[in-house]
C-alpha atoms as a PDB file:
ATOM      1  CA  MET A   1      23.912   7.390  11.868  1.00  0.00           C
ATOM      2  CA  LEU A   2      22.734   4.538   9.624  1.00  0.00           C
ATOM      3  CA  HIS A   3      19.151   5.838   9.843  1.00  0.00           C
ATOM      4  CA  LEU A   4      20.347   9.288   8.734  1.00  0.00           C
ATOM      5  CA  LEU A   5      22.240   7.818   5.768  1.00  0.00           C
ATOM      6  CA  HIS A   6      19.175   5.810   4.733  1.00  0.00           C
ATOM      7  CA  ARG A   7      17.056   8.956   4.912  1.00  0.00           C
ATOM      8  CA  ILE A   8      19.497  11.052   2.879  1.00  0.00           C
ATOM      9  CA  ALA A   9      19.708   8.349   0.203  1.00  0.00           C
ATOM     10  CA  ARG A  10      15.921   7.784   0.465  1.00  0.00           C
ATOM     11  CA  ARG A  11      16.579   4.079   1.089  1.00  0.00           C
ATOM     12  CA  CYS A  12      13.993   2.310   3.209  1.00  0.00           C
ATOM     13  CA  PRO A  13      15.079  -0.803   5.120  1.00  0.00           C
ATOM     14  CA  THR A  14      11.523  -2.178   4.857  1.00  0.00           C
ATOM     15  CA  HIS A  15      10.988  -1.649   1.139  1.00  0.00           C
ATOM     16  CA  ASP A  16      14.519  -2.027  -0.241  1.00  0.00           C
ATOM     17  CA  ARG A  17      15.204  -5.540   0.963  1.00  0.00           C
ATOM     18  CA  ALA A  18      14.436  -8.530  -1.193  1.00  0.00           C
ATOM     19  CA  SER A  19      11.373 -10.539  -0.214  1.00  0.00           C
ATOM     20  CA  TYR A  20      10.274 -13.927  -1.465  1.00  0.00           C
ATOM     21  CA  VAL A  21       6.871 -12.636  -2.596  1.00  0.00           C
ATOM     22  CA  VAL A  22       8.353  -9.885  -4.770  1.00  0.00           C
ATOM     23  CA  THR A  23      11.099 -12.160  -6.099  1.00  0.00           C
ATOM     24  CA  ALA A  24       8.608 -14.933  -6.945  1.00  0.00           C
ATOM     25  CA  ARG A  25       6.344 -12.415  -8.701  1.00  0.00           C
ATOM     26  CA  LEU A  26       9.285 -11.189 -10.798  1.00  0.00           C
ATOM     27  CA  GLU A  27      10.357 -14.752 -11.622  1.00  0.00           C
ATOM     28  CA  GLN A  28       6.813 -15.532 -12.754  1.00  0.00           C
ATOM     29  CA  GLN A  29       6.685 -12.428 -14.955  1.00  0.00           C
ATOM     30  CA  LEU A  30       9.995 -13.424 -16.550  1.00  0.00           C
ATOM     31  CA  GLY A  31       8.744 -16.964 -17.160  1.00  0.00           C
ATOM     32  CA  MET A  32      11.290 -18.492 -14.807  1.00  0.00           C
ATOM     33  CA  GLU A  33      10.762 -21.406 -12.448  1.00  0.00           C
ATOM     34  CA  PRO A  34      10.052 -19.973  -8.961  1.00  0.00           C
ATOM     35  CA  SER A  35      12.771 -20.407  -6.384  1.00  0.00           C
ATOM     36  CA  PRO A  36      11.980 -22.501  -3.301  1.00  0.00           C
ATOM     37  CA  ALA A  37      10.162 -20.707  -0.506  1.00  0.00           C
ATOM     38  CA  PRO A  38      11.997 -19.936   2.734  1.00  0.00           C
ATOM     39  CA  ASP A  39      11.347 -22.150   5.750  1.00  0.00           C
ATOM     40  CA  SER A  40       9.856 -19.270   7.735  1.00  0.00           C
ATOM     41  CA  PHE A  41       6.125 -18.726   7.055  1.00  0.00           C
ATOM     42  CA  THR A  42       6.511 -15.002   7.749  1.00  0.00           C
ATOM     43  CA  GLU A  43       9.366 -14.565   5.279  1.00  0.00           C
ATOM     44  CA  ALA A  44       7.566 -16.630   2.649  1.00  0.00           C
ATOM     45  CA  HIS A  45       4.369 -14.546   2.717  1.00  0.00           C
ATOM     46  CA  CYS A  46       5.465 -11.060   3.802  1.00  0.00           C
ATOM     47  CA  ASP A  47       4.919  -8.524   1.007  1.00  0.00           C
ATOM     48  CA  PRO A  48       6.721  -5.216   1.708  1.00  0.00           C
ATOM     49  CA  HIS A  49       4.456  -3.413  -0.772  1.00  0.00           C
ATOM     50  CA  LEU A  50       1.591  -3.870   1.695  1.00  0.00           C
ATOM     51  CA  ILE A  51       3.519  -2.493   4.669  1.00  0.00           C
ATOM     52  CA  ASP A  52       3.488   1.144   5.687  1.00  0.00           C
ATOM     53  CA  CYS A  53       6.990   1.733   7.022  1.00  0.00           C
ATOM     54  CA  GLY A  54       6.023   5.062   8.582  1.00  0.00           C
ATOM     55  CA  ASN A  55       8.849   6.976   6.901  1.00  0.00           C
ATOM     56  CA  ALA A  56       7.420  10.115   5.266  1.00  0.00           C
ATOM     57  CA  TRP A  57      10.446  10.275   2.965  1.00  0.00           C
ATOM     58  CA  CYS A  58      10.085   6.719   1.653  1.00  0.00           C
ATOM     59  CA  THR A  59       9.419   6.602  -2.090  1.00  0.00           C
ATOM     60  CA  HIS A  60       7.349   3.394  -1.698  1.00  0.00           C
ATOM     61  CA  ARG A  61       5.195   4.735   1.127  1.00  0.00           C
ATOM     62  CA  ARG A  62       1.513   3.966   0.796  1.00  0.00           C
ATOM     63  CA  PRO A  63      -0.276   7.245  -0.029  1.00  0.00           C
ATOM     64  CA  TYR A  64      -3.467   6.343   1.847  1.00  0.00           C
ATOM     65  CA  SER A  65      -1.725   5.709   5.152  1.00  0.00           C
ATOM     66  CA  SER A  66      -3.570   7.116   8.141  1.00  0.00           C
ATOM     67  CA  ARG A  67      -1.613   9.494  10.324  1.00  0.00           C
END
């Protein structure tokens, strides 16, 4: 049911969650001091903009994804 609601609202669990990389990039653009990185290496360096979630309806889906 949750998957259906995400699809109807065009909300992607991969691309709609906050990530440290995106947050740090925004902080840098705003001239703010970057927040401390998470303890997990994966969470600290995972950029959702580089991930193809596989959802055809996702508005952030990479257009050059191979299918």
